[in-house]
Amino acid sequence: MIQFKRVYEAAKADDGQRVLVDRLWPRGIRKESLALASWLKEVAPSDQLRKQFCHDPALFDEFRLLYRAELAAHPEHWQGLLEMARKGNLTLLYAAKDEAHNNARVLAEFLEEELERSGPPSSPVCYAGEL
Protein backbone atom coordinates (compact mmCIF):
# COMPACT_ATOMS: atom_id res chain seq x y z
CA MET A 1 0.00 0.00 0.00
CA ILE A 2 1.23 3.46 -0.89
CA GLN A 3 0.09 6.32 1.29
CA PHE A 4 1.18 9.89 1.80
CA LYS A 5 1.14 12.22 4.77
CA ARG A 6 2.58 15.45 6.06
CA VAL A 7 6.04 15.13 7.47
CA TYR A 8 4.81 16.91 10.62
CA GLU A 9 2.45 14.05 11.52
CA ALA A 10 3.76 11.49 13.99
CA ALA A 11 5.12 8.22 12.64
CA LYS A 12 2.85 5.21 13.04
CA ALA A 13 3.58 1.50 13.02
CA ASP A 14 1.62 0.97 9.78
CA ASP A 15 3.64 3.61 7.88
CA GLY A 16 6.13 1.00 6.76
CA GLN A 17 8.99 2.58 4.85
CA ARG A 18 8.87 6.37 5.23
CA VAL A 19 10.40 8.41 2.40
CA LEU A 20 10.63 12.18 2.17
CA VAL A 21 9.76 13.20 -1.40
CA ASP A 22 10.37 16.96 -1.24
CA ARG A 23 13.34 18.70 -2.82
CA LEU A 24 13.76 20.97 0.22
CA TRP A 25 14.14 19.84 3.83
CA PRO A 26 10.97 20.70 5.83
CA ARG A 27 11.16 23.71 8.11
CA GLY A 28 11.41 23.16 11.82
CA ILE A 29 12.34 19.48 11.68
CA ARG A 30 15.70 18.17 12.79
CA LYS A 31 17.13 15.45 10.59
CA GLU A 32 17.92 13.29 13.61
CA SER A 33 14.32 13.39 14.86
CA LEU A 34 12.59 12.24 11.67
CA ALA A 35 12.08 8.50 11.19
CA LEU A 36 13.01 8.06 7.53
CA ALA A 37 14.11 5.22 5.31
CA SER A 38 15.41 7.80 2.84
CA TRP A 39 15.11 11.29 1.40
CA LEU A 40 14.66 11.23 -2.38
CA LYS A 41 15.14 14.80 -3.57
CA GLU A 42 15.41 13.71 -7.19
CA VAL A 43 11.87 12.27 -7.27
CA ALA A 44 10.41 15.65 -6.26
CA PRO A 45 9.19 18.09 -8.93
CA SER A 46 11.91 20.17 -10.57
CA ASP A 47 12.62 23.57 -9.04
CA GLN A 48 11.08 25.23 -12.09
CA LEU A 49 7.84 23.23 -11.80
CA ARG A 50 7.67 23.68 -8.04
CA LYS A 51 8.01 27.47 -8.37
CA GLN A 52 5.53 27.59 -11.26
CA PHE A 53 2.91 25.69 -9.20
CA CYS A 54 3.53 27.71 -6.02
CA HIS A 55 0.93 25.57 -4.19
CA ASP A 56 -1.94 27.27 -6.06
CA PRO A 57 -4.90 24.83 -6.17
CA ALA A 58 -6.08 26.47 -9.40
CA LEU A 59 -2.86 25.30 -11.08
CA PHE A 60 -2.94 21.76 -9.67
CA ASP A 61 -4.29 19.99 -12.77
CA GLU A 62 -1.55 21.48 -14.93
CA PHE A 63 1.02 20.72 -12.22
CA ARG A 64 -0.15 17.08 -12.12
CA LEU A 65 0.31 16.67 -15.88
CA LEU A 66 3.75 18.30 -15.92
CA TYR A 67 4.98 16.43 -12.85
CA ARG A 68 3.80 13.10 -14.25
CA ALA A 69 5.73 13.89 -17.44
CA GLU A 70 8.85 14.56 -15.36
CA LEU A 71 8.37 11.26 -13.55
CA ALA A 72 7.83 9.32 -16.78
CA ALA A 73 11.07 10.77 -18.16
CA HIS A 74 13.12 9.58 -15.17
CA PRO A 75 12.10 6.10 -13.99
CA GLU A 76 15.49 5.73 -12.30
CA HIS A 77 14.27 8.23 -9.68
CA TRP A 78 11.21 6.23 -8.58
CA GLN A 79 11.94 2.57 -9.38
CA GLY A 80 13.24 2.02 -5.84
CA LEU A 81 9.93 3.25 -4.44
CA LEU A 82 8.10 0.54 -6.40
CA GLU A 83 10.35 -2.08 -4.84
CA MET A 84 9.60 -0.72 -1.35
CA ALA A 85 5.86 -0.74 -2.07
CA ARG A 86 5.98 -4.34 -3.30
CA LYS A 87 7.54 -5.42 -0.01
CA GLY A 88 5.08 -3.62 2.29
CA ASN A 89 3.62 -0.27 3.22
CA LEU A 90 5.23 2.84 1.81
CA THR A 91 4.53 6.31 3.16
CA LEU A 92 5.52 9.32 1.06
CA LEU A 93 6.22 12.33 3.26
CA TYR A 94 5.75 15.94 2.18
CA ALA A 95 5.82 19.31 3.92
CA ALA A 96 3.10 21.27 2.07
CA LYS A 97 0.15 22.47 4.13
CA ASP A 98 -2.39 21.57 1.45
CA GLU A 99 -3.20 17.90 1.88
CA ALA A 100 -5.24 17.73 -1.34
CA HIS A 101 -2.87 19.51 -3.73
CA ASN A 102 0.73 18.34 -3.35
CA ASN A 103 3.45 16.40 -5.12
CA ALA A 104 3.22 13.36 -2.82
CA ARG A 105 -0.42 12.79 -3.85
CA VAL A 106 0.53 12.88 -7.54
CA LEU A 107 3.53 10.63 -6.95
CA ALA A 108 1.42 8.11 -5.01
CA GLU A 109 -1.13 7.98 -7.85
CA PHE A 110 1.65 7.57 -10.40
CA LEU A 111 3.31 4.77 -8.44
CA GLU A 112 0.01 2.93 -7.90
CA GLU A 113 -0.58 2.99 -11.66
CA GLU A 114 2.95 1.71 -12.27
CA LEU A 115 2.39 -1.13 -9.81
CA GLU A 116 -0.81 -2.12 -11.61
CA ARG A 117 0.90 -1.88 -15.00
CA SER A 118 3.84 -4.01 -13.88
CA GLY A 119 1.73 -6.52 -11.97
CA PRO A 120 2.09 -10.26 -12.42
CA PRO A 121 1.65 -11.30 -16.02
CA SER A 122 -1.50 -13.14 -16.90
CA SER A 123 -1.24 -16.55 -18.50
CA PRO A 124 -2.02 -16.77 -22.18
CA VAL A 125 -5.33 -18.25 -23.16
CA CYS A 126 -5.04 -21.82 -24.32
CA TYR A 127 -6.94 -22.60 -27.49
CA ALA A 128 -5.68 -26.18 -27.80
CA GLY A 129 -8.28 -28.45 -29.29
CA GLU A 130 -10.57 -25.56 -30.30
CA LEU A 131 -9.41 -25.21 -33.90
C-alpha atoms as a PDB file:
ATOM      1  CA  MET A   1       0.000   0.000   0.000  1.00  0.00           C
ATOM      2  CA  ILE A   2       1.229   3.461  -0.890  1.00  0.00           C
ATOM      3  CA  GLN A   3       0.086   6.318   1.290  1.00  0.00           C
ATOM      4  CA  PHE A   4       1.183   9.892   1.800  1.00  0.00           C
ATOM      5  CA  LYS A   5       1.136  12.225   4.769  1.00  0.00           C
ATOM      6  CA  ARG A   6       2.576  15.448   6.058  1.00  0.00           C
ATOM      7  CA  VAL A   7       6.044  15.135   7.473  1.00  0.00           C
ATOM      8  CA  TYR A   8       4.809  16.913  10.616  1.00  0.00           C
ATOM      9  CA  GLU A   9       2.450  14.052  11.516  1.00  0.00           C
ATOM     10  CA  ALA A  10       3.756  11.486  13.985  1.00  0.00           C
ATOM     11  CA  ALA A  11       5.123   8.225  12.638  1.00  0.00           C
ATOM     12  CA  LYS A  12       2.847   5.209  13.036  1.00  0.00           C
ATOM     13  CA  ALA A  13       3.581   1.495  13.016  1.00  0.00           C
ATOM     14  CA  ASP A  14       1.618   0.969   9.778  1.00  0.00           C
ATOM     15  CA  ASP A  15       3.635   3.609   7.882  1.00  0.00           C
ATOM     16  CA  GLY A  16       6.129   1.002   6.765  1.00  0.00           C
ATOM     17  CA  GLN A  17       8.994   2.577   4.846  1.00  0.00           C
ATOM     18  CA  ARG A  18       8.871   6.373   5.231  1.00  0.00           C
ATOM     19  CA  VAL A  19      10.398   8.411   2.405  1.00  0.00           C
ATOM     20  CA  LEU A  20      10.629  12.183   2.168  1.00  0.00           C
ATOM     21  CA  VAL A  21       9.764  13.199  -1.404  1.00  0.00           C
ATOM     22  CA  ASP A  22      10.373  16.964  -1.240  1.00  0.00           C
ATOM     23  CA  ARG A  23      13.340  18.700  -2.819  1.00  0.00           C
ATOM     24  CA  LEU A  24      13.765  20.971   0.223  1.00  0.00           C
ATOM     25  CA  TRP A  25      14.136  19.843   3.832  1.00  0.00           C
ATOM     26  CA  PRO A  26      10.973  20.704   5.835  1.00  0.00           C
ATOM     27  CA  ARG A  27      11.158  23.714   8.111  1.00  0.00           C
ATOM     28  CA  GLY A  28      11.406  23.164  11.819  1.00  0.00           C
ATOM     29  CA  ILE A  29      12.342  19.483  11.681  1.00  0.00           C
ATOM     30  CA  ARG A  30      15.703  18.174  12.792  1.00  0.00           C
ATOM     31  CA  LYS A  31      17.126  15.454  10.592  1.00  0.00           C
ATOM     32  CA  GLU A  32      17.919  13.290  13.605  1.00  0.00           C
ATOM     33  CA  SER A  33      14.318  13.385  14.859  1.00  0.00           C
ATOM     34  CA  LEU A  34      12.588  12.240  11.673  1.00  0.00           C
ATOM     35  CA  ALA A  35      12.082   8.503  11.187  1.00  0.00           C
ATOM     36  CA  LEU A  36      13.012   8.064   7.529  1.00  0.00           C
ATOM     37  CA  ALA A  37      14.107   5.220   5.306  1.00  0.00           C
ATOM     38  CA  SER A  38      15.412   7.802   2.838  1.00  0.00           C
ATOM     39  CA  TRP A  39      15.106  11.289   1.397  1.00  0.00           C
ATOM     40  CA  LEU A  40      14.663  11.228  -2.378  1.00  0.00           C
ATOM     41  CA  LYS A  41      15.136  14.801  -3.575  1.00  0.00           C
ATOM     42  CA  GLU A  42      15.414  13.708  -7.192  1.00  0.00           C
ATOM     43  CA  VAL A  43      11.870  12.271  -7.270  1.00  0.00           C
ATOM     44  CA  ALA A  44      10.410  15.648  -6.263  1.00  0.00           C
ATOM     45  CA  PRO A  45       9.194  18.091  -8.926  1.00  0.00           C
ATOM     46  CA  SER A  46      11.910  20.172 -10.569  1.00  0.00           C
ATOM     47  CA  ASP A  47      12.624  23.570  -9.044  1.00  0.00           C
ATOM     48  CA  GLN A  48      11.076  25.234 -12.094  1.00  0.00           C
ATOM     49  CA  LEU A  49       7.841  23.231 -11.799  1.00  0.00           C
ATOM     50  CA  ARG A  50       7.671  23.683  -8.036  1.00  0.00           C
ATOM     51  CA  LYS A  51       8.010  27.473  -8.366  1.00  0.00           C
ATOM     52  CA  GLN A  52       5.530  27.589 -11.255  1.00  0.00           C
ATOM     53  CA  PHE A  53       2.907  25.690  -9.200  1.00  0.00           C
ATOM     54  CA  CYS A  54       3.532  27.706  -6.022  1.00  0.00           C
ATOM     55  CA  HIS A  55       0.928  25.566  -4.193  1.00  0.00           C
ATOM     56  CA  ASP A  56      -1.942  27.267  -6.057  1.00  0.00           C
ATOM     57  CA  PRO A  57      -4.896  24.826  -6.172  1.00  0.00           C
ATOM     58  CA  ALA A  58      -6.081  26.467  -9.402  1.00  0.00           C
ATOM     59  CA  LEU A  59      -2.861  25.296 -11.080  1.00  0.00           C
ATOM     60  CA  PHE A  60      -2.937  21.758  -9.674  1.00  0.00           C
ATOM     61  CA  ASP A  61      -4.294  19.988 -12.768  1.00  0.00           C
ATOM     62  CA  GLU A  62      -1.551  21.478 -14.929  1.00  0.00           C
ATOM     63  CA  PHE A  63       1.022  20.717 -12.224  1.00  0.00           C
ATOM     64  CA  ARG A  64      -0.155  17.081 -12.116  1.00  0.00           C
ATOM     65  CA  LEU A  65       0.312  16.674 -15.881  1.00  0.00           C
ATOM     66  CA  LEU A  66       3.751  18.303 -15.923  1.00  0.00           C
ATOM     67  CA  TYR A  67       4.978  16.432 -12.852  1.00  0.00           C
ATOM     68  CA  ARG A  68       3.804  13.100 -14.250  1.00  0.00           C
ATOM     69  CA  ALA A  69       5.729  13.892 -17.440  1.00  0.00           C
ATOM     70  CA  GLU A  70       8.854  14.561 -15.362  1.00  0.00           C
ATOM     71  CA  LEU A  71       8.368  11.256 -13.549  1.00  0.00           C
ATOM     72  CA  ALA A  72       7.829   9.324 -16.776  1.00  0.00           C
ATOM     73  CA  ALA A  73      11.066  10.772 -18.159  1.00  0.00           C
ATOM     74  CA  HIS A  74      13.120   9.582 -15.175  1.00  0.00           C
ATOM     75  CA  PRO A  75      12.099   6.097 -13.988  1.00  0.00           C
ATOM     76  CA  GLU A  76      15.487   5.733 -12.301  1.00  0.00           C
ATOM     77  CA  HIS A  77      14.271   8.230  -9.682  1.00  0.00           C
ATOM     78  CA  TRP A  78      11.212   6.232  -8.581  1.00  0.00           C
ATOM     79  CA  GLN A  79      11.944   2.567  -9.375  1.00  0.00           C
ATOM     80  CA  GLY A  80      13.238   2.021  -5.841  1.00  0.00           C
ATOM     81  CA  LEU A  81       9.934   3.250  -4.445  1.00  0.00           C
ATOM     82  CA  LEU A  82       8.100   0.542  -6.396  1.00  0.00           C
ATOM     83  CA  GLU A  83      10.349  -2.081  -4.837  1.00  0.00           C
ATOM     84  CA  MET A  84       9.600  -0.715  -1.353  1.00  0.00           C
ATOM     85  CA  ALA A  85       5.857  -0.737  -2.071  1.00  0.00           C
ATOM     86  CA  ARG A  86       5.979  -4.342  -3.301  1.00  0.00           C
ATOM     87  CA  LYS A  87       7.543  -5.417  -0.006  1.00  0.00           C
ATOM     88  CA  GLY A  88       5.085  -3.624   2.290  1.00  0.00           C
ATOM     89  CA  ASN A  89       3.618  -0.275   3.225  1.00  0.00           C
ATOM     90  CA  LEU A  90       5.227   2.838   1.806  1.00  0.00           C
ATOM     91  CA  THR A  91       4.534   6.314   3.159  1.00  0.00           C
ATOM     92  CA  LEU A  92       5.520   9.315   1.065  1.00  0.00           C
ATOM     93  CA  LEU A  93       6.223  12.327   3.264  1.00  0.00           C
ATOM     94  CA  TYR A  94       5.748  15.938   2.177  1.00  0.00           C
ATOM     95  CA  ALA A  95       5.819  19.309   3.917  1.00  0.00           C
ATOM     96  CA  ALA A  96       3.099  21.267   2.075  1.00  0.00           C
ATOM     97  CA  LYS A  97       0.151  22.474   4.125  1.00  0.00           C
ATOM     98  CA  ASP A  98      -2.388  21.568   1.448  1.00  0.00           C
ATOM     99  CA  GLU A  99      -3.203  17.897   1.875  1.00  0.00           C
ATOM    100  CA  ALA A 100      -5.240  17.734  -1.340  1.00  0.00           C
ATOM    101  CA  HIS A 101      -2.867  19.505  -3.733  1.00  0.00           C
ATOM    102  CA  ASN A 102       0.727  18.336  -3.346  1.00  0.00           C
ATOM    103  CA  ASN A 103       3.447  16.398  -5.123  1.00  0.00           C
ATOM    104  CA  ALA A 104       3.217  13.357  -2.823  1.00  0.00           C
ATOM    105  CA  ARG A 105      -0.415  12.794  -3.854  1.00  0.00           C
ATOM    106  CA  VAL A 106       0.531  12.883  -7.541  1.00  0.00           C
ATOM    107  CA  LEU A 107       3.533  10.629  -6.948  1.00  0.00           C
ATOM    108  CA  ALA A 108       1.425   8.108  -5.010  1.00  0.00           C
ATOM    109  CA  GLU A 109      -1.133   7.976  -7.850  1.00  0.00           C
ATOM    110  CA  PHE A 110       1.649   7.574 -10.399  1.00  0.00           C
ATOM    111  CA  LEU A 111       3.312   4.774  -8.438  1.00  0.00           C
ATOM    112  CA  GLU A 112       0.006   2.927  -7.897  1.00  0.00           C
ATOM    113  CA  GLU A 113      -0.576   2.990 -11.657  1.00  0.00           C
ATOM    114  CA  GLU A 114       2.949   1.711 -12.273  1.00  0.00           C
ATOM    115  CA  LEU A 115       2.387  -1.134  -9.808  1.00  0.00           C
ATOM    116  CA  GLU A 116      -0.810  -2.115 -11.614  1.00  0.00           C
ATOM    117  CA  ARG A 117       0.897  -1.882 -15.001  1.00  0.00           C
ATOM    118  CA  SER A 118       3.837  -4.009 -13.878  1.00  0.00           C
ATOM    119  CA  GLY A 119       1.726  -6.517 -11.974  1.00  0.00           C
ATOM    120  CA  PRO A 120       2.089 -10.258 -12.416  1.00  0.00           C
ATOM    121  CA  PRO A 121       1.651 -11.297 -16.023  1.00  0.00           C
ATOM    122  CA  SER A 122      -1.502 -13.143 -16.895  1.00  0.00           C
ATOM    123  CA  SER A 123      -1.242 -16.548 -18.501  1.00  0.00           C
ATOM    124  CA  PRO A 124      -2.024 -16.768 -22.179  1.00  0.00           C
ATOM    125  CA  VAL A 125      -5.327 -18.252 -23.159  1.00  0.00           C
ATOM    126  CA  CYS A 126      -5.038 -21.824 -24.317  1.00  0.00           C
ATOM    127  CA  TYR A 127      -6.941 -22.603 -27.489  1.00  0.00           C
ATOM    128  CA  ALA A 128      -5.685 -26.180 -27.804  1.00  0.00           C
ATOM    129  CA  GLY A 129      -8.277 -28.446 -29.288  1.00  0.00           C
ATOM    130  CA  GLU A 130     -10.575 -25.562 -30.296  1.00  0.00           C
ATOM    131  CA  LEU A 131      -9.411 -25.213 -33.898  1.00  0.00           C
END
